[in-house]
Protein backbone atom coordinates (compact mmCIF):
# COMPACT_ATOMS: atom_id res chain seq x y z
CA MET A 1 116.25 128.68 94.91
CA LYS A 2 115.57 125.08 96.67
CA LYS A 3 119.02 123.45 97.31
CA LYS A 4 119.24 119.84 95.08
CA VAL A 5 120.43 117.59 97.76
CA LEU A 6 121.66 113.84 97.33
CA ILE A 7 122.29 111.44 99.86
CA ILE A 8 124.08 108.35 98.58
CA GLY A 9 123.45 105.30 101.47
CA GLY A 10 120.19 106.81 102.43
CA SER A 11 118.68 104.24 103.71
CA SER A 12 121.34 103.60 106.52
CA ASP A 13 120.86 104.78 109.96
CA ILE A 14 122.76 108.41 109.81
CA GLY A 15 121.07 108.70 106.13
CA GLN A 16 117.88 108.38 107.45
CA GLU A 17 118.17 111.08 110.45
CA LEU A 18 119.99 113.14 108.08
CA SER A 19 117.08 113.17 105.47
CA LYS A 20 114.88 114.30 107.74
CA LYS A 21 116.44 117.37 108.37
CA TYR A 22 116.69 117.99 104.70
CA LEU A 23 112.48 117.87 104.37
CA GLY A 24 112.20 121.33 104.55
CA LYS A 25 111.16 123.96 102.44
CA GLU A 26 114.87 124.87 101.30
CA TYR A 27 115.54 121.64 100.20
CA VAL A 28 114.96 119.06 97.29
CA LEU A 29 116.24 115.71 98.49
CA HIS A 30 117.24 112.92 96.56
CA LEU A 31 117.72 109.67 98.42
CA HIS A 32 119.78 106.89 97.45
CA TYR A 33 118.84 103.28 98.31
CA ASN A 34 119.71 99.23 97.40
CA LYS A 35 116.84 97.47 99.19
CA ASN A 36 113.34 98.43 99.77
CA PHE A 37 112.96 100.55 102.80
CA ASN A 38 109.76 102.52 104.61
CA ILE A 39 112.18 106.06 105.47
CA LEU A 40 109.72 108.58 104.13
CA LYS A 41 106.86 106.99 103.13
CA ASN A 42 104.43 109.62 104.96
CA PHE A 43 105.96 112.56 103.21
CA LYS A 44 104.68 113.29 99.37
CA LYS A 45 106.61 116.63 98.14
CA ASN A 46 110.20 117.68 98.26
CA PHE A 47 112.13 114.40 97.59
CA SER A 48 112.96 111.50 95.52
CA LEU A 49 113.73 107.81 95.53
CA ILE A 50 116.79 106.48 93.88
CA LYS A 51 117.56 102.71 93.47
CA ALA A 52 120.40 101.75 92.18
CA ASP A 53 123.12 98.83 93.22
CA LEU A 54 125.94 100.43 92.96
CA SER A 55 127.69 96.76 92.96
CA SER A 56 126.71 96.46 89.41
CA SER A 57 128.92 96.20 86.55
CA ASN A 58 126.96 98.44 84.09
CA LEU A 59 128.64 101.67 85.21
CA ASN A 60 126.66 103.55 82.93
CA LYS A 61 122.92 102.41 83.95
CA ILE A 62 124.45 103.09 87.21
CA LEU A 63 125.40 106.52 86.88
CA ASN A 64 122.43 107.58 84.44
CA LYS A 65 120.05 107.30 87.92
CA PHE A 66 121.93 110.11 89.10
CA ASP A 67 121.69 113.86 88.15
CA ASN A 68 124.78 116.19 87.22
CA ASP A 69 123.17 119.10 89.20
CA TYR A 70 123.20 118.57 92.94
CA ASP A 71 123.82 121.28 95.07
CA ILE A 72 124.92 118.80 98.28
CA ILE A 73 126.44 115.42 98.12
CA ILE A 74 126.78 113.12 101.22
CA ASN A 75 128.06 109.99 100.72
CA LEU A 76 127.23 107.21 103.62
CA ALA A 77 127.42 104.09 101.46
CA GLY A 78 128.70 101.67 103.96
CA TYR A 79 128.77 98.04 102.48
CA VAL A 80 130.37 95.66 104.80
CA SER A 81 131.55 91.90 103.72
CA SER A 82 132.85 91.32 107.16
CA GLN A 83 136.47 89.98 105.83
CA SER A 84 139.43 89.79 107.83
CA PHE A 85 143.18 90.35 106.53
CA GLN A 86 143.92 87.10 105.91
CA ASN A 87 140.54 85.80 104.31
CA PHE A 88 139.59 88.58 102.29
CA ASN A 89 139.52 88.01 98.23
CA ILE A 90 139.41 89.95 95.18
CA LYS A 91 135.77 89.54 94.42
CA THR A 92 134.82 91.11 97.92
CA LEU A 93 137.56 93.74 98.39
CA GLU A 94 136.28 95.33 94.69
CA LYS A 95 132.78 95.39 95.41
CA THR A 96 133.38 97.06 98.73
CA LEU A 97 135.38 99.56 97.12
CA ARG A 98 133.52 99.71 94.24
CA VAL A 99 130.50 100.66 96.35
CA ASN A 100 131.29 102.62 99.45
CA SER A 101 134.29 105.18 97.15
CA ILE A 102 134.50 104.64 93.66
CA ILE A 103 131.05 105.17 92.50
CA PRO A 104 129.91 107.58 94.82
CA LEU A 105 133.65 109.55 93.78
CA LEU A 106 131.71 108.99 90.42
CA ILE A 107 128.50 110.53 90.99
CA ILE A 108 130.54 113.62 92.93
CA ARG A 109 132.17 114.12 90.11
CA LYS A 110 129.30 114.55 87.47
CA SER A 111 127.98 117.64 89.64
CA ILE A 112 131.48 119.51 90.29
CA LYS A 113 131.40 121.83 86.99
CA LYS A 114 127.59 122.53 87.62
CA MET A 115 128.35 123.95 91.32
CA LEU A 116 131.22 125.42 89.97
CA LYS A 117 129.15 127.43 87.41
CA LYS A 118 126.96 128.13 90.39
CA LYS A 119 129.73 129.39 92.56
CA TRP A 120 128.30 127.09 95.26
CA GLY A 121 128.30 123.59 96.25
CA ARG A 122 129.05 121.08 99.54
CA ILE A 123 130.61 117.68 98.99
CA THR A 124 131.07 115.70 102.19
CA ASN A 125 132.36 112.19 101.72
CA SER A 126 132.37 109.63 104.72
CA SER A 127 135.38 107.90 106.99
CA SER A 128 135.25 105.46 109.67
CA VAL A 129 137.57 105.61 113.12
CA GLY A 130 138.24 102.29 112.66
CA ILE A 131 141.20 102.95 110.25
CA LYS A 132 142.86 104.94 112.91
CA PHE A 133 143.50 101.30 114.43
CA GLY A 134 143.40 99.35 111.48
CA GLY A 135 140.75 98.14 111.30
CA GLY A 136 139.01 95.19 112.94
CA ASN A 137 139.33 91.54 112.76
CA SER A 138 136.62 91.35 110.64
CA SER A 139 136.32 94.46 108.67
CA PHE A 140 139.25 95.16 106.89
CA GLU A 141 137.55 95.61 103.36
CA TYR A 142 135.14 98.10 104.83
CA SER A 143 138.05 99.72 106.73
CA LEU A 144 140.39 99.93 103.68
CA SER A 145 137.14 101.85 101.57
CA LYS A 146 136.55 104.49 104.10
CA HIS A 147 140.62 105.13 104.12
CA PHE A 148 140.23 105.34 100.33
CA ASN A 149 137.92 107.99 101.04
CA GLU A 150 139.95 110.21 103.16
CA PHE A 151 142.32 110.91 100.41
CA ILE A 152 141.59 114.49 99.07
CA PRO A 153 142.66 115.43 95.71
CA ASN A 154 144.62 117.85 95.05
CA PHE A 155 141.58 119.35 92.41
CA MET A 156 139.07 119.13 95.44
CA ARG A 157 141.56 121.34 97.55
CA GLN A 158 141.24 124.17 94.70
CA LEU A 159 137.41 124.58 94.51
CA PRO A 160 136.87 126.41 97.51
CA LYS A 161 137.58 129.86 95.61
CA LYS A 162 134.24 128.94 93.51
CA ASN A 163 132.58 128.41 96.80
CA VAL A 164 132.63 124.79 96.82
CA PHE A 165 133.54 122.53 99.58
CA TYR A 166 134.68 119.28 99.87
CA ASN A 167 134.95 117.40 103.31
CA VAL A 168 135.58 113.75 104.80
CA VAL A 169 134.02 113.33 107.92
CA ARG A 170 135.37 110.46 110.05
CA ILE A 171 132.70 108.76 111.78
CA GLY A 172 133.41 107.06 115.49
CA LEU A 173 131.28 104.49 116.79
CA THR A 174 127.81 104.65 116.50
CA ASP A 175 124.58 102.82 117.17
CA THR A 176 123.82 101.53 113.47
CA LYS A 177 122.86 98.34 112.48
CA ILE A 178 126.22 98.07 110.32
CA HIS A 179 127.86 96.92 113.58
CA LYS A 180 125.60 93.86 113.72
CA LYS A 181 126.81 92.41 110.58
CA MET A 182 130.30 92.05 111.95
CA LYS A 183 131.35 89.05 113.83
CA ASN A 184 132.65 88.27 116.55
CA LYS A 185 132.50 92.11 117.90
CA ASP A 186 131.82 92.68 121.77
CA MET A 187 130.20 96.11 121.43
CA LYS A 188 130.20 96.80 125.34
CA THR A 189 134.00 96.11 125.29
CA ARG A 190 134.74 98.82 122.55
CA THR A 191 132.54 101.14 124.08
CA LYS A 192 134.71 101.21 126.88
CA LEU A 193 137.62 102.51 124.70
CA VAL A 194 135.53 105.77 123.59
CA PRO A 195 136.79 108.51 125.78
CA THR A 196 133.08 110.03 126.40
CA LYS A 197 131.96 106.25 127.56
CA ARG A 198 129.41 105.67 124.65
CA MET A 199 128.30 105.14 121.35
CA ALA A 200 127.21 108.09 119.09
CA ASP A 201 123.56 108.67 118.47
CA PRO A 202 122.62 108.54 114.21
CA LYS A 203 121.31 111.92 115.39
CA ASP A 204 124.55 113.34 116.81
CA ILE A 205 126.32 112.52 113.31
CA ALA A 206 123.75 113.77 111.44
CA GLU A 207 123.70 117.06 112.71
CA TYR A 208 127.04 117.45 112.21
CA ILE A 209 127.37 116.46 108.62
CA PHE A 210 124.11 118.94 107.94
CA TYR A 211 125.98 121.74 109.45
CA ILE A 212 129.18 120.82 107.58
CA SER A 213 127.33 120.72 104.38
CA SER A 214 125.09 123.44 104.30
CA ALA A 215 125.73 127.24 103.88
CA LYS A 216 126.52 128.24 107.50
CA ASN A 217 129.84 126.58 106.67
CA THR A 218 131.81 128.89 105.50
CA PHE A 219 135.28 127.80 106.39
CA ILE A 220 135.45 124.39 106.98
CA THR A 221 137.11 122.81 103.58
CA SER A 222 139.83 119.98 102.25
CA GLU A 223 139.54 118.77 106.30
CA ILE A 224 139.02 115.58 107.72
CA VAL A 225 136.80 115.95 110.34
CA ASN A 226 136.60 113.61 113.57
CA ILE A 227 133.40 112.96 114.92
CA THR A 228 134.28 110.12 117.04
CA GLY A 229 134.09 110.87 120.99
CA GLY A 230 137.54 111.65 121.41
CA GLU A 231 139.39 108.48 120.22
């Protein structure tokens, strides 16, 4: 039977690369996005698009857009408000936490019961290497939301006995458009701090997430997996 895959934040650079890996006979892909984009426009089968603004105040309307029977869920939501600690405000902080962390967690929770019944499931949340350094000068809210995602509830640690694995990937400096949204960020200087002396390509990150979220992963669970080029 084909596995049902949900990528939250599928329009991100990493999400688009990851989605291509699921366009095969083994999977049915459900790709969440907020704004219009052209990814997968040439494919006719085995995928569907879910347009949803996770910042909306209508919680039930959001959650009703998502099924409760996904086999694989990957959260790549990455809203950035470009706020510093000195300048953040409650409105933008609440939106960042809601989009990147809280709503994805509620979507994940909807499918866990079915995963346990089927005795199979793979859930992968996403974090950022930025939290290791307390975030950047203009990414306080974003980094805080990703730190939130690294909290692994005790409940999740009990799932492996039913072959349901929950992991978090801490993503390092990657060549994505999200960096362009962060003000005053010197990417050349930042790249020099990475031991590999380069940014990751979105394809690099997608490859690791695909493995961790697949049936080939039979032993990695309840972990924070670093994909950071050595940082």
